[in-house]
Amino acid sequence: MIKIYNTEIATNKFSEINEYIKGSWINMINPTEKEIEEVCKNVKIKDEFINYALDSEEKARIDVDEEEKTILFIIDVPITEKEKGTETYSTMPIGMIVVRDEFFITVSLKRTKLIQNFEKGNMKNFATYKKSRFILQLMLNNSSNYLTYLKRINKETEIAENVLKKSMRNKELLKLLSLEKSLVYITTSLRSNEAVMERTLKIKSVKLYEDDEDILEDAIIENKQAIEMSKIYSDILNGTMDAYASIISNNLNGVMKFLTSITIVLAIPTMISSFWGMNVELPFQNNIWGFCIMVSISVVLTLIVTWWLKRKDMLD
């Protein structure tokens, strides 16, 4: 899918258009080969930069083509995915291409909240022809989105912990495991984005004005804050998982200890009845009260063993 937007310089009016004019923003979401060919033909670039951004395993980086005067920025953005009816968190690369100070292209595999916020045209001081600022605004809003996602992950962690306190269910343990995996992805992506932002400050191909530098510095600060939050939440979650693993192991040991004690207790009357079931001369076999005596002996011995096991904390 391709959509083209433009901000008029005279009126600063943002709108969707149907033609490729200088200063416009071209947004590509999971484009087909035909759509890629169309964009490349109209803006006169190679399809390599677009295809790089469509690789789900592509790392965040900056690539400069001096010959075509084209710059590719790739950053990782947070996304949510549905996996077996459960919402999981992950990251996805998004490409931002500056073409000769004439066009600005964004490329992604899926719709993202980051791009949708700009498509609505509600972003402050946003204009399609201000390409350097557009990139920095995307980076800043992306860092803010990471913070939002991290807060959601922390909230879901607390909910799963509260449920686990009442009942050790596999569903909640698997949820914590999924959140732990999400934090690994997010932390890795945040560190990659940090490297891209820091290089943006140094790269000469990107013209930065004073206000632009302030935006980039804010983006770097928020990204660092997100990295710290991600690390803290990851450490807490790791500790929680280790604690629940110990609790589960301890509970299992307790169950096995209890079942072993019950087996010992039940073995006593079984053993006595087995002895007196033999076809040999035995005490009380001719006594009219023999059965009652043996039952009484079994009960007494069972109670003694039960008391002893209870004293040794084997029946708690």
C-alpha atoms as a PDB file:
ATOM      1  CA  MET A   1       0.000   0.000   0.000  1.00  0.00           C
ATOM      2  CA  ILE A   2       1.227   3.465  -0.906  1.00  0.00           C
ATOM      3  CA  LYS A   3      -0.029   6.793   0.402  1.00  0.00           C
ATOM      4  CA  ILE A   4       1.401  10.209  -0.455  1.00  0.00           C
ATOM      5  CA  TYR A   5       1.058  13.241   1.831  1.00  0.00           C
ATOM      6  CA  ASN A   6       2.121  16.834   1.409  1.00  0.00           C
ATOM      7  CA  THR A   7       2.281  19.999   3.485  1.00  0.00           C
ATOM      8  CA  GLU A   8       1.788  23.213   1.517  1.00  0.00           C
ATOM      9  CA  ILE A   9       4.547  25.714   2.297  1.00  0.00           C
ATOM     10  CA  ALA A  10       2.294  28.773   1.984  1.00  0.00           C
ATOM     11  CA  THR A  11      -0.647  27.567   4.108  1.00  0.00           C
ATOM     12  CA  ASN A  12       1.068  24.753   6.067  1.00  0.00           C
ATOM     13  CA  LYS A  13      -1.965  22.597   5.216  1.00  0.00           C
ATOM     14  CA  PHE A  14      -1.387  18.852   5.476  1.00  0.00           C
ATOM     15  CA  SER A  15      -3.301  16.589   3.086  1.00  0.00           C
ATOM     16  CA  GLU A  16      -3.172  13.338   1.141  1.00  0.00           C
ATOM     17  CA  ILE A  17      -2.346  13.694  -2.557  1.00  0.00           C
ATOM     18  CA  ASN A  18      -2.194  11.426  -5.608  1.00  0.00           C
ATOM     19  CA  GLU A  19       0.967  12.664  -7.322  1.00  0.00           C
ATOM     20  CA  TYR A  20       4.682  12.635  -6.656  1.00  0.00           C
ATOM     21  CA  ILE A  21       5.679  16.250  -5.988  1.00  0.00           C
ATOM     22  CA  LYS A  22       8.799  17.576  -4.320  1.00  0.00           C
ATOM     23  CA  GLY A  23       8.541  17.965  -0.573  1.00  0.00           C
ATOM     24  CA  SER A  24       5.980  15.162  -0.216  1.00  0.00           C
ATOM     25  CA  TRP A  25       6.013  12.198   2.129  1.00  0.00           C
ATOM     26  CA  ILE A  26       5.528   8.717   0.646  1.00  0.00           C
ATOM     27  CA  ASN A  27       4.343   6.112   3.140  1.00  0.00           C
ATOM     28  CA  MET A  28       4.734   2.479   2.050  1.00  0.00           C
ATOM     29  CA  ILE A  29       3.216  -0.373   4.065  1.00  0.00           C
ATOM     30  CA  ASN A  30       4.143  -3.895   2.947  1.00  0.00           C
ATOM     31  CA  PRO A  31       4.353  -2.770  -0.706  1.00  0.00           C
ATOM     32  CA  THR A  32       4.175  -5.172  -3.637  1.00  0.00           C
ATOM     33  CA  GLU A  33       6.944  -5.457  -6.233  1.00  0.00           C
ATOM     34  CA  LYS A  34       4.847  -3.357  -8.599  1.00  0.00           C
ATOM     35  CA  GLU A  35       4.404  -0.605  -5.998  1.00  0.00           C
ATOM     36  CA  ILE A  36       8.143  -0.591  -5.222  1.00  0.00           C
ATOM     37  CA  GLU A  37       8.896  -0.293  -8.923  1.00  0.00           C
ATOM     38  CA  GLU A  38       6.428   2.588  -9.241  1.00  0.00           C
ATOM     39  CA  VAL A  39       7.975   4.567  -6.370  1.00  0.00           C
ATOM     40  CA  CYS A  40      11.541   3.969  -7.551  1.00  0.00           C
ATOM     41  CA  LYS A  41      10.626   5.133 -11.054  1.00  0.00           C
ATOM     42  CA  ASN A  42       8.941   8.330  -9.850  1.00  0.00           C
ATOM     43  CA  VAL A  43      11.539   9.411  -7.269  1.00  0.00           C
ATOM     44  CA  LYS A  44      14.496   7.963  -9.233  1.00  0.00           C
ATOM     45  CA  ILE A  45      16.146   5.704  -6.667  1.00  0.00           C
ATOM     46  CA  LYS A  46      17.225   2.061  -6.556  1.00  0.00           C
ATOM     47  CA  ASP A  47      14.962  -0.448  -4.869  1.00  0.00           C
ATOM     48  CA  GLU A  48      17.713  -1.614  -2.470  1.00  0.00           C
ATOM     49  CA  PHE A  49      16.923   0.876   0.311  1.00  0.00           C
ATOM     50  CA  ILE A  50      13.217  -0.014   0.230  1.00  0.00           C
ATOM     51  CA  ASN A  51      13.921  -3.747   0.333  1.00  0.00           C
ATOM     52  CA  TYR A  52      16.337  -3.306   3.254  1.00  0.00           C
ATOM     53  CA  ALA A  53      13.530  -1.849   5.350  1.00  0.00           C
ATOM     54  CA  LEU A  54      11.219  -4.748   4.421  1.00  0.00           C
ATOM     55  CA  ASP A  55      13.560  -7.300   5.993  1.00  0.00           C
ATOM     56  CA  SER A  56      12.097  -8.185   9.388  1.00  0.00           C
ATOM     57  CA  GLU A  57      15.582  -9.106  10.678  1.00  0.00           C
ATOM     58  CA  GLU A  58      17.245  -5.864   9.537  1.00  0.00           C
ATOM     59  CA  LYS A  59      19.196  -4.062  12.272  1.00  0.00           C
ATOM     60  CA  ALA A  60      18.839  -0.374  13.091  1.00  0.00           C
ATOM     61  CA  ARG A  61      21.461   1.587  11.148  1.00  0.00           C
ATOM     62  CA  ILE A  62      22.209   4.485   8.797  1.00  0.00           C
ATOM     63  CA  ASP A  63      23.248   3.961   5.184  1.00  0.00           C
ATOM     64  CA  VAL A  64      24.363   6.819   2.907  1.00  0.00           C
ATOM     65  CA  ASP A  65      24.479   6.655  -0.892  1.00  0.00           C
ATOM     66  CA  GLU A  66      26.634   9.603  -1.939  1.00  0.00           C
ATOM     67  CA  GLU A  67      26.101   8.905  -5.621  1.00  0.00           C
ATOM     68  CA  GLU A  68      22.308   9.236  -5.477  1.00  0.00           C
ATOM     69  CA  LYS A  69      22.392  11.609  -2.487  1.00  0.00           C
ATOM     70  CA  THR A  70      20.048   9.312  -0.610  1.00  0.00           C
ATOM     71  CA  ILE A  71      20.138   8.466   3.104  1.00  0.00           C
ATOM     72  CA  LEU A  72      18.491   5.459   4.704  1.00  0.00           C
ATOM     73  CA  PHE A  73      17.631   5.429   8.417  1.00  0.00           C
ATOM     74  CA  ILE A  74      16.390   2.177   9.924  1.00  0.00           C
ATOM     75  CA  ILE A  75      15.062   2.135  13.483  1.00  0.00           C
ATOM     76  CA  ASP A  76      13.170  -0.501  15.458  1.00  0.00           C
ATOM     77  CA  VAL A  77       9.637   0.304  16.588  1.00  0.00           C
ATOM     78  CA  PRO A  78       7.598  -1.542  19.262  1.00  0.00           C
ATOM     79  CA  ILE A  79       4.587  -3.540  18.071  1.00  0.00           C
ATOM     80  CA  THR A  80       2.000  -5.930  19.509  1.00  0.00           C
ATOM     81  CA  GLU A  81       1.259  -9.310  17.968  1.00  0.00           C
ATOM     82  CA  LYS A  82      -1.404 -11.948  18.543  1.00  0.00           C
ATOM     83  CA  GLU A  83      -0.024 -15.375  19.368  1.00  0.00           C
ATOM     84  CA  LYS A  84      -2.547 -18.128  20.152  1.00  0.00           C
ATOM     85  CA  GLY A  85      -5.048 -15.565  21.364  1.00  0.00           C
ATOM     86  CA  THR A  86      -2.491 -13.854  23.611  1.00  0.00           C
ATOM     87  CA  GLU A  87      -1.065 -10.383  22.993  1.00  0.00           C
ATOM     88  CA  THR A  88       2.727 -10.338  22.845  1.00  0.00           C
ATOM     89  CA  TYR A  89       5.216  -7.511  22.426  1.00  0.00           C
ATOM     90  CA  SER A  90       7.973  -7.370  19.870  1.00  0.00           C
ATOM     91  CA  THR A  91       9.824  -4.935  17.604  1.00  0.00           C
ATOM     92  CA  MET A  92       9.914  -4.313  13.877  1.00  0.00           C
ATOM     93  CA  PRO A  93      12.256  -2.297  11.626  1.00  0.00           C
ATOM     94  CA  ILE A  94      10.957   0.789   9.859  1.00  0.00           C
ATOM     95  CA  GLY A  95      12.858   2.558   7.100  1.00  0.00           C
ATOM     96  CA  MET A  96      13.078   6.326   6.601  1.00  0.00           C
ATOM     97  CA  ILE A  97      14.605   7.431   3.290  1.00  0.00           C
ATOM     98  CA  VAL A  98      15.613  10.989   2.434  1.00  0.00           C
ATOM     99  CA  VAL A  99      15.845  11.344  -1.365  1.00  0.00           C
ATOM    100  CA  ARG A 100      17.966  14.342  -2.511  1.00  0.00           C
ATOM    101  CA  ASP A 101      16.121  16.751  -0.248  1.00  0.00           C
ATOM    102  CA  GLU A 102      13.109  16.208  -2.534  1.00  0.00           C
ATOM    103  CA  PHE A 103      11.138  13.274  -1.126  1.00  0.00           C
ATOM    104  CA  PHE A 104      10.763  11.546   2.199  1.00  0.00           C
ATOM    105  CA  ILE A 105       9.824   7.851   2.226  1.00  0.00           C
ATOM    106  CA  THR A 106       8.795   5.627   5.135  1.00  0.00           C
ATOM    107  CA  VAL A 107       8.712   1.848   4.654  1.00  0.00           C
ATOM    108  CA  SER A 108       7.331  -0.774   7.031  1.00  0.00           C
ATOM    109  CA  LEU A 109       5.934  -4.289   6.942  1.00  0.00           C
ATOM    110  CA  LYS A 110       2.860  -3.421   9.024  1.00  0.00           C
ATOM    111  CA  ARG A 111       0.825  -0.453  10.140  1.00  0.00           C
ATOM    112  CA  THR A 112       2.326   1.125  13.231  1.00  0.00           C
ATOM    113  CA  LYS A 113       1.016   3.529  15.810  1.00  0.00           C
ATOM    114  CA  LEU A 114       4.079   5.711  15.196  1.00  0.00           C
ATOM    115  CA  ILE A 115       3.215   6.396  11.545  1.00  0.00           C
ATOM    116  CA  GLN A 116      -0.525   6.653  12.162  1.00  0.00           C
ATOM    117  CA  ASN A 117       0.043   9.558  14.566  1.00  0.00           C
ATOM    118  CA  PHE A 118       1.718  11.511  11.765  1.00  0.00           C
ATOM    119  CA  GLU A 119      -0.838  10.483   9.140  1.00  0.00           C
ATOM    120  CA  LYS A 120      -3.535  12.165  11.201  1.00  0.00           C
ATOM    121  CA  GLY A 121      -1.608  15.437  10.858  1.00  0.00           C
ATOM    122  CA  ASN A 122      -1.961  16.309  14.531  1.00  0.00           C
ATOM    123  CA  MET A 123       1.748  16.445  15.346  1.00  0.00           C
ATOM    124  CA  LYS A 124       3.051  19.843  16.467  1.00  0.00           C
ATOM    125  CA  ASN A 125       5.469  21.636  14.084  1.00  0.00           C
ATOM    126  CA  PHE A 126       5.208  18.790  11.589  1.00  0.00           C
ATOM    127  CA  ALA A 127       5.671  19.416   7.855  1.00  0.00           C
ATOM    128  CA  THR A 128       6.524  16.922   5.117  1.00  0.00           C
ATOM    129  CA  TYR A 129       9.087  19.256   3.523  1.00  0.00           C
ATOM    130  CA  LYS A 130      11.081  19.511   6.787  1.00  0.00           C
ATOM    131  CA  LYS A 131      12.696  16.124   6.306  1.00  0.00           C
ATOM    132  CA  SER A 132      15.425  16.313   8.954  1.00  0.00           C
ATOM    133  CA  ARG A 133      12.922  17.431  11.578  1.00  0.00           C
ATOM    134  CA  PHE A 134      10.484  14.740  10.424  1.00  0.00           C
ATOM    135  CA  ILE A 135      13.132  12.053  11.078  1.00  0.00           C
ATOM    136  CA  LEU A 136      13.901  13.436  14.524  1.00  0.00           C
ATOM    137  CA  GLN A 137      10.217  13.723  15.412  1.00  0.00           C
ATOM    138  CA  LEU A 138       9.761  10.086  14.422  1.00  0.00           C
ATOM    139  CA  MET A 139      12.691   9.115  16.638  1.00  0.00           C
ATOM    140  CA  LEU A 140      11.356  11.151  19.576  1.00  0.00           C
ATOM    141  CA  ASN A 141       7.830   9.733  19.314  1.00  0.00           C
ATOM    142  CA  ASN A 142       9.240   6.250  18.897  1.00  0.00           C
ATOM    143  CA  SER A 143      11.199   6.606  22.148  1.00  0.00           C
ATOM    144  CA  SER A 144       8.006   7.781  23.876  1.00  0.00           C
ATOM    145  CA  ASN A 145       6.131   4.757  22.495  1.00  0.00           C
ATOM    146  CA  TYR A 146       8.749   2.450  24.000  1.00  0.00           C
ATOM    147  CA  LEU A 147       8.130   3.994  27.420  1.00  0.00           C
ATOM    148  CA  THR A 148       4.390   3.429  27.001  1.00  0.00           C
ATOM    149  CA  TYR A 149       4.900  -0.201  26.007  1.00  0.00           C
ATOM    150  CA  LEU A 150       7.256  -0.791  28.942  1.00  0.00           C
ATOM    151  CA  LYS A 151       4.642   0.537  31.369  1.00  0.00           C
ATOM    152  CA  ARG A 152       2.077  -1.836  29.863  1.00  0.00           C
ATOM    153  CA  ILE A 153       4.479  -4.767  30.214  1.00  0.00           C
ATOM    154  CA  ASN A 154       5.119  -3.854  33.856  1.00  0.00           C
ATOM    155  CA  LYS A 155       1.371  -3.657  34.518  1.00  0.00           C
ATOM    156  CA  GLU A 156       0.769  -7.081  32.938  1.00  0.00           C
ATOM    157  CA  THR A 157       3.633  -8.484  35.006  1.00  0.00           C
ATOM    158  CA  GLU A 158       1.986  -7.250  38.213  1.00  0.00           C
ATOM    159  CA  ILE A 159      -1.368  -8.771  37.187  1.00  0.00           C
ATOM    160  CA  ALA A 160       0.241 -12.156  36.442  1.00  0.00           C
ATOM    161  CA  GLU A 161       2.086 -12.059  39.784  1.00  0.00           C
ATOM    162  CA  ASN A 162      -1.139 -11.363  41.706  1.00  0.00           C
ATOM    163  CA  VAL A 163      -2.827 -14.339  40.029  1.00  0.00           C
ATOM    164  CA  LEU A 164       0.162 -16.584  40.754  1.00  0.00           C
ATOM    165  CA  LYS A 165       0.014 -15.709  44.447  1.00  0.00           C
ATOM    166  CA  LYS A 166      -3.402 -17.363  44.599  1.00  0.00           C
ATOM    167  CA  SER A 167      -2.884 -20.222  42.183  1.00  0.00           C
ATOM    168  CA  MET A 168       0.196 -21.634  40.413  1.00  0.00           C
ATOM    169  CA  ARG A 169      -1.176 -21.893  36.895  1.00  0.00           C
ATOM    170  CA  ASN A 170       0.859 -22.583  33.776  1.00  0.00           C
ATOM    171  CA  LYS A 171      -0.971 -19.816  31.903  1.00  0.00           C
ATOM    172  CA  GLU A 172       0.431 -17.071  34.125  1.00  0.00           C
ATOM    173  CA  LEU A 173       3.921 -18.602  34.171  1.00  0.00           C
ATOM    174  CA  LEU A 174       3.931 -18.730  30.373  1.00  0.00           C
ATOM    175  CA  LYS A 175       2.736 -15.113  30.321  1.00  0.00           C
ATOM    176  CA  LEU A 176       5.688 -14.054  32.471  1.00  0.00           C
ATOM    177  CA  LEU A 177       8.019 -15.999  30.193  1.00  0.00           C
ATOM    178  CA  SER A 178       6.549 -14.211  27.153  1.00  0.00           C
ATOM    179  CA  LEU A 179       6.976 -10.807  28.817  1.00  0.00           C
ATOM    180  CA  GLU A 180      10.565 -11.666  29.702  1.00  0.00           C
ATOM    181  CA  LYS A 181      11.256 -12.494  26.043  1.00  0.00           C
ATOM    182  CA  SER A 182       9.593  -9.229  24.959  1.00  0.00           C
ATOM    183  CA  LEU A 183      11.870  -7.226  27.244  1.00  0.00           C
ATOM    184  CA  VAL A 184      14.920  -8.849  25.650  1.00  0.00           C
ATOM    185  CA  TYR A 185      13.733  -7.791  22.184  1.00  0.00           C
ATOM    186  CA  ILE A 186      12.911  -4.283  23.371  1.00  0.00           C
ATOM    187  CA  THR A 187      16.224  -3.759  25.169  1.00  0.00           C
ATOM    188  CA  THR A 188      18.187  -4.919  22.120  1.00  0.00           C
ATOM    189  CA  SER A 189      16.204  -2.618  19.821  1.00  0.00           C
ATOM    190  CA  LEU A 190      16.589   0.367  22.143  1.00  0.00           C
ATOM    191  CA  ARG A 191      20.358  -0.010  22.173  1.00  0.00           C
ATOM    192  CA  SER A 192      20.424  -0.216  18.372  1.00  0.00           C
ATOM    193  CA  ASN A 193      18.241   2.898  18.121  1.00  0.00           C
ATOM    194  CA  GLU A 194      20.575   4.701  20.515  1.00  0.00           C
ATOM    195  CA  ALA A 195      23.510   4.053  18.174  1.00  0.00           C
ATOM    196  CA  VAL A 196      21.512   5.448  15.226  1.00  0.00           C
ATOM    197  CA  MET A 197      20.588   8.606  17.131  1.00  0.00           C
ATOM    198  CA  GLU A 198      24.135   9.262  18.268  1.00  0.00           C
ATOM    199  CA  ARG A 199      25.415   8.820  14.720  1.00  0.00           C
ATOM    200  CA  THR A 200      22.742  11.230  13.447  1.00  0.00           C
ATOM    201  CA  LEU A 201      24.387  13.948  15.548  1.00  0.00           C
ATOM    202  CA  LYS A 202      27.700  13.373  13.796  1.00  0.00           C
ATOM    203  CA  ILE A 203      26.684  12.610  10.214  1.00  0.00           C
ATOM    204  CA  LYS A 204      27.307  15.536   7.854  1.00  0.00           C
ATOM    205  CA  SER A 205      24.717  14.501   5.281  1.00  0.00           C
ATOM    206  CA  VAL A 206      21.876  15.491   7.642  1.00  0.00           C
ATOM    207  CA  LYS A 207      21.357  19.222   8.135  1.00  0.00           C
ATOM    208  CA  LEU A 208      20.404  19.963  11.727  1.00  0.00           C
ATOM    209  CA  TYR A 209      19.275  23.343  12.984  1.00  0.00           C
ATOM    210  CA  GLU A 210      19.247  24.439  16.616  1.00  0.00           C
ATOM    211  CA  ASP A 211      15.646  23.345  17.201  1.00  0.00           C
ATOM    212  CA  ASP A 212      16.356  20.035  15.461  1.00  0.00           C
ATOM    213  CA  GLU A 213      19.279  19.334  17.774  1.00  0.00           C
ATOM    214  CA  ASP A 214      17.014  19.917  20.781  1.00  0.00           C
ATOM    215  CA  ILE A 215      14.522  17.379  19.423  1.00  0.00           C
ATOM    216  CA  LEU A 216      17.289  14.826  18.840  1.00  0.00           C
ATOM    217  CA  GLU A 217      18.706  15.360  22.329  1.00  0.00           C
ATOM    218  CA  ASP A 218      15.216  14.835  23.796  1.00  0.00           C
ATOM    219  CA  ALA A 219      14.884  11.652  21.751  1.00  0.00           C
ATOM    220  CA  ILE A 220      18.250  10.372  23.018  1.00  0.00           C
ATOM    221  CA  ILE A 221      17.305  11.187  26.628  1.00  0.00           C
ATOM    222  CA  GLU A 222      13.952   9.379  26.354  1.00  0.00           C
ATOM    223  CA  ASN A 223      15.624   6.430  24.658  1.00  0.00           C
ATOM    224  CA  LYS A 224      18.175   6.184  27.488  1.00  0.00           C
ATOM    225  CA  GLN A 225      15.336   6.361  30.001  1.00  0.00           C
ATOM    226  CA  ALA A 226      13.561   3.536  28.157  1.00  0.00           C
ATOM    227  CA  ILE A 227      16.760   1.460  28.242  1.00  0.00           C
ATOM    228  CA  GLU A 228      17.043   1.941  32.020  1.00  0.00           C
ATOM    229  CA  MET A 229      13.368   1.078  32.545  1.00  0.00           C
ATOM    230  CA  SER A 230      13.697  -2.001  30.352  1.00  0.00           C
ATOM    231  CA  LYS A 231      16.753  -3.167  32.301  1.00  0.00           C
ATOM    232  CA  ILE A 232      15.029  -2.626  35.661  1.00  0.00           C
ATOM    233  CA  TYR A 233      11.834  -4.435  34.574  1.00  0.00           C
ATOM    234  CA  SER A 234      13.910  -7.257  33.076  1.00  0.00           C
ATOM    235  CA  ASP A 235      15.882  -7.700  36.326  1.00  0.00           C
ATOM    236  CA  ILE A 236      12.669  -7.691  38.370  1.00  0.00           C
ATOM    237  CA  LEU A 237      11.036 -10.209  36.033  1.00  0.00           C
ATOM    238  CA  ASN A 238      14.103 -12.472  36.100  1.00  0.00           C
ATOM    239  CA  GLY A 239      14.058 -12.396  39.907  1.00  0.00           C
ATOM    240  CA  THR A 240      10.333 -13.107  39.948  1.00  0.00           C
ATOM    241  CA  MET A 241      10.687 -16.072  37.595  1.00  0.00           C
ATOM    242  CA  ASP A 242      13.531 -17.503  39.704  1.00  0.00           C
ATOM    243  CA  ALA A 243      11.478 -17.034  42.871  1.00  0.00           C
ATOM    244  CA  TYR A 244       8.429 -18.799  41.442  1.00  0.00           C
ATOM    245  CA  ALA A 245      10.626 -21.596  40.090  1.00  0.00           C
ATOM    246  CA  SER A 246      11.929 -22.128  43.646  1.00  0.00           C
ATOM    247  CA  ILE A 247       8.398 -21.966  45.071  1.00  0.00           C
ATOM    248  CA  ILE A 248       7.120 -24.527  42.567  1.00  0.00           C
ATOM    249  CA  SER A 249      10.054 -26.834  43.300  1.00  0.00           C
ATOM    250  CA  ASN A 250       9.494 -26.444  47.044  1.00  0.00           C
ATOM    251  CA  ASN A 251       5.765 -27.157  46.676  1.00  0.00           C
ATOM    252  CA  LEU A 252       6.533 -30.262  44.650  1.00  0.00           C
ATOM    253  CA  ASN A 253       8.948 -31.467  47.334  1.00  0.00           C
ATOM    254  CA  GLY A 254       6.257 -30.880  49.948  1.00  0.00           C
ATOM    255  CA  VAL A 255       3.706 -32.903  47.991  1.00  0.00           C
ATOM    256  CA  MET A 256       6.164 -35.766  47.497  1.00  0.00           C
ATOM    257  CA  LYS A 257       7.048 -35.725  51.211  1.00  0.00           C
ATOM    258  CA  PHE A 258       3.356 -35.822  52.189  1.00  0.00           C
ATOM    259  CA  LEU A 259       2.552 -38.673  49.790  1.00  0.00           C
ATOM    260  CA  THR A 260       5.536 -40.666  51.067  1.00  0.00           C
ATOM    261  CA  SER A 261       4.361 -40.223  54.678  1.00  0.00           C
ATOM    262  CA  ILE A 262       0.813 -41.299  53.790  1.00  0.00           C
ATOM    263  CA  THR A 263       2.244 -44.400  52.090  1.00  0.00           C
ATOM    264  CA  ILE A 264       4.185 -45.286  55.245  1.00  0.00           C
ATOM    265  CA  VAL A 265       1.102 -44.808  57.448  1.00  0.00           C
ATOM    266  CA  LEU A 266      -1.116 -46.962  55.197  1.00  0.00           C
ATOM    267  CA  ALA A 267       1.567 -49.662  54.959  1.00  0.00           C
ATOM    268  CA  ILE A 268       1.340 -50.520  58.699  1.00  0.00           C
ATOM    269  CA  PRO A 269      -2.213 -51.999  58.796  1.00  0.00           C
ATOM    270  CA  THR A 270      -1.565 -53.644  55.415  1.00  0.00           C
ATOM    271  CA  MET A 271       1.592 -55.298  56.747  1.00  0.00           C
ATOM    272  CA  ILE A 272      -0.114 -56.539  59.956  1.00  0.00           C
ATOM    273  CA  SER A 273      -3.114 -57.941  58.071  1.00  0.00           C
ATOM    274  CA  SER A 274      -0.717 -59.688  55.685  1.00  0.00           C
ATOM    275  CA  PHE A 275       1.101 -61.400  58.570  1.00  0.00           C
ATOM    276  CA  TRP A 276      -2.130 -62.703  60.099  1.00  0.00           C
ATOM    277  CA  GLY A 277      -3.351 -63.900  56.746  1.00  0.00           C
ATOM    278  CA  MET A 278      -0.619 -66.565  56.580  1.00  0.00           C
ATOM    279  CA  ASN A 279      -1.467 -70.240  57.045  1.00  0.00           C
ATOM    280  CA  VAL A 280       0.814 -70.681  60.064  1.00  0.00           C
ATOM    281  CA  GLU A 281       0.409 -70.676  63.813  1.00  0.00           C
ATOM    282  CA  LEU A 282      -0.022 -67.052  64.978  1.00  0.00           C
ATOM    283  CA  PRO A 283      -0.980 -65.315  68.261  1.00  0.00           C
ATOM    284  CA  PHE A 284      -4.702 -64.664  68.860  1.00  0.00           C
ATOM    285  CA  GLN A 285      -5.800 -66.870  65.958  1.00  0.00           C
ATOM    286  CA  ASN A 286      -7.988 -68.972  68.246  1.00  0.00           C
ATOM    287  CA  ASN A 287      -9.085 -66.049  70.414  1.00  0.00           C
ATOM    288  CA  ILE A 288     -12.686 -64.931  69.979  1.00  0.00           C
ATOM    289  CA  TRP A 289     -11.515 -61.328  70.221  1.00  0.00           C
ATOM    290  CA  GLY A 290      -8.523 -61.877  67.919  1.00  0.00           C
ATOM    291  CA  PHE A 291      -9.841 -59.712  65.116  1.00  0.00           C
ATOM    292  CA  CYS A 292     -10.598 -56.793  67.448  1.00  0.00           C
ATOM    293  CA  ILE A 293      -7.178 -57.128  69.086  1.00  0.00           C
ATOM    294  CA  MET A 294      -5.342 -57.002  65.740  1.00  0.00           C
ATOM    295  CA  VAL A 295      -7.407 -54.028  64.562  1.00  0.00           C
ATOM    296  CA  SER A 296      -6.605 -52.250  67.837  1.00  0.00           C
ATOM    297  CA  ILE A 297      -2.892 -52.994  67.448  1.00  0.00           C
ATOM    298  CA  SER A 298      -2.988 -51.667  63.857  1.00  0.00           C
ATOM    299  CA  VAL A 299      -4.755 -48.488  64.956  1.00  0.00           C
ATOM    300  CA  VAL A 300      -2.336 -47.890  67.824  1.00  0.00           C
ATOM    301  CA  LEU A 301       0.753 -48.457  65.663  1.00  0.00           C
ATOM    302  CA  THR A 302      -0.707 -46.265  62.911  1.00  0.00           C
ATOM    303  CA  LEU A 303      -1.366 -43.458  65.398  1.00  0.00           C
ATOM    304  CA  ILE A 304       2.180 -43.757  66.824  1.00  0.00           C
ATOM    305  CA  VAL A 305       3.746 -43.581  63.361  1.00  0.00           C
ATOM    306  CA  THR A 306       1.468 -40.677  62.399  1.00  0.00           C
ATOM    307  CA  TRP A 307       2.465 -38.777  65.555  1.00  0.00           C
ATOM    308  CA  TRP A 308       6.165 -39.424  64.865  1.00  0.00           C
ATOM    309  CA  LEU A 309       5.873 -38.259  61.222  1.00  0.00           C
ATOM    310  CA  LYS A 310       3.946 -35.200  62.315  1.00  0.00           C
ATOM    311  CA  ARG A 311       6.667 -34.373  64.850  1.00  0.00           C
ATOM    312  CA  LYS A 312       9.262 -34.611  62.055  1.00  0.00           C
ATOM    313  CA  ASP A 313       7.173 -32.196  59.898  1.00  0.00           C
ATOM    314  CA  MET A 314       6.514 -34.917  57.361  1.00  0.00           C
ATOM    315  CA  LEU A 315       2.726 -34.439  57.274  1.00  0.00           C
ATOM    316  CA  ASP A 316       2.459 -30.629  56.986  1.00  0.00           C
END
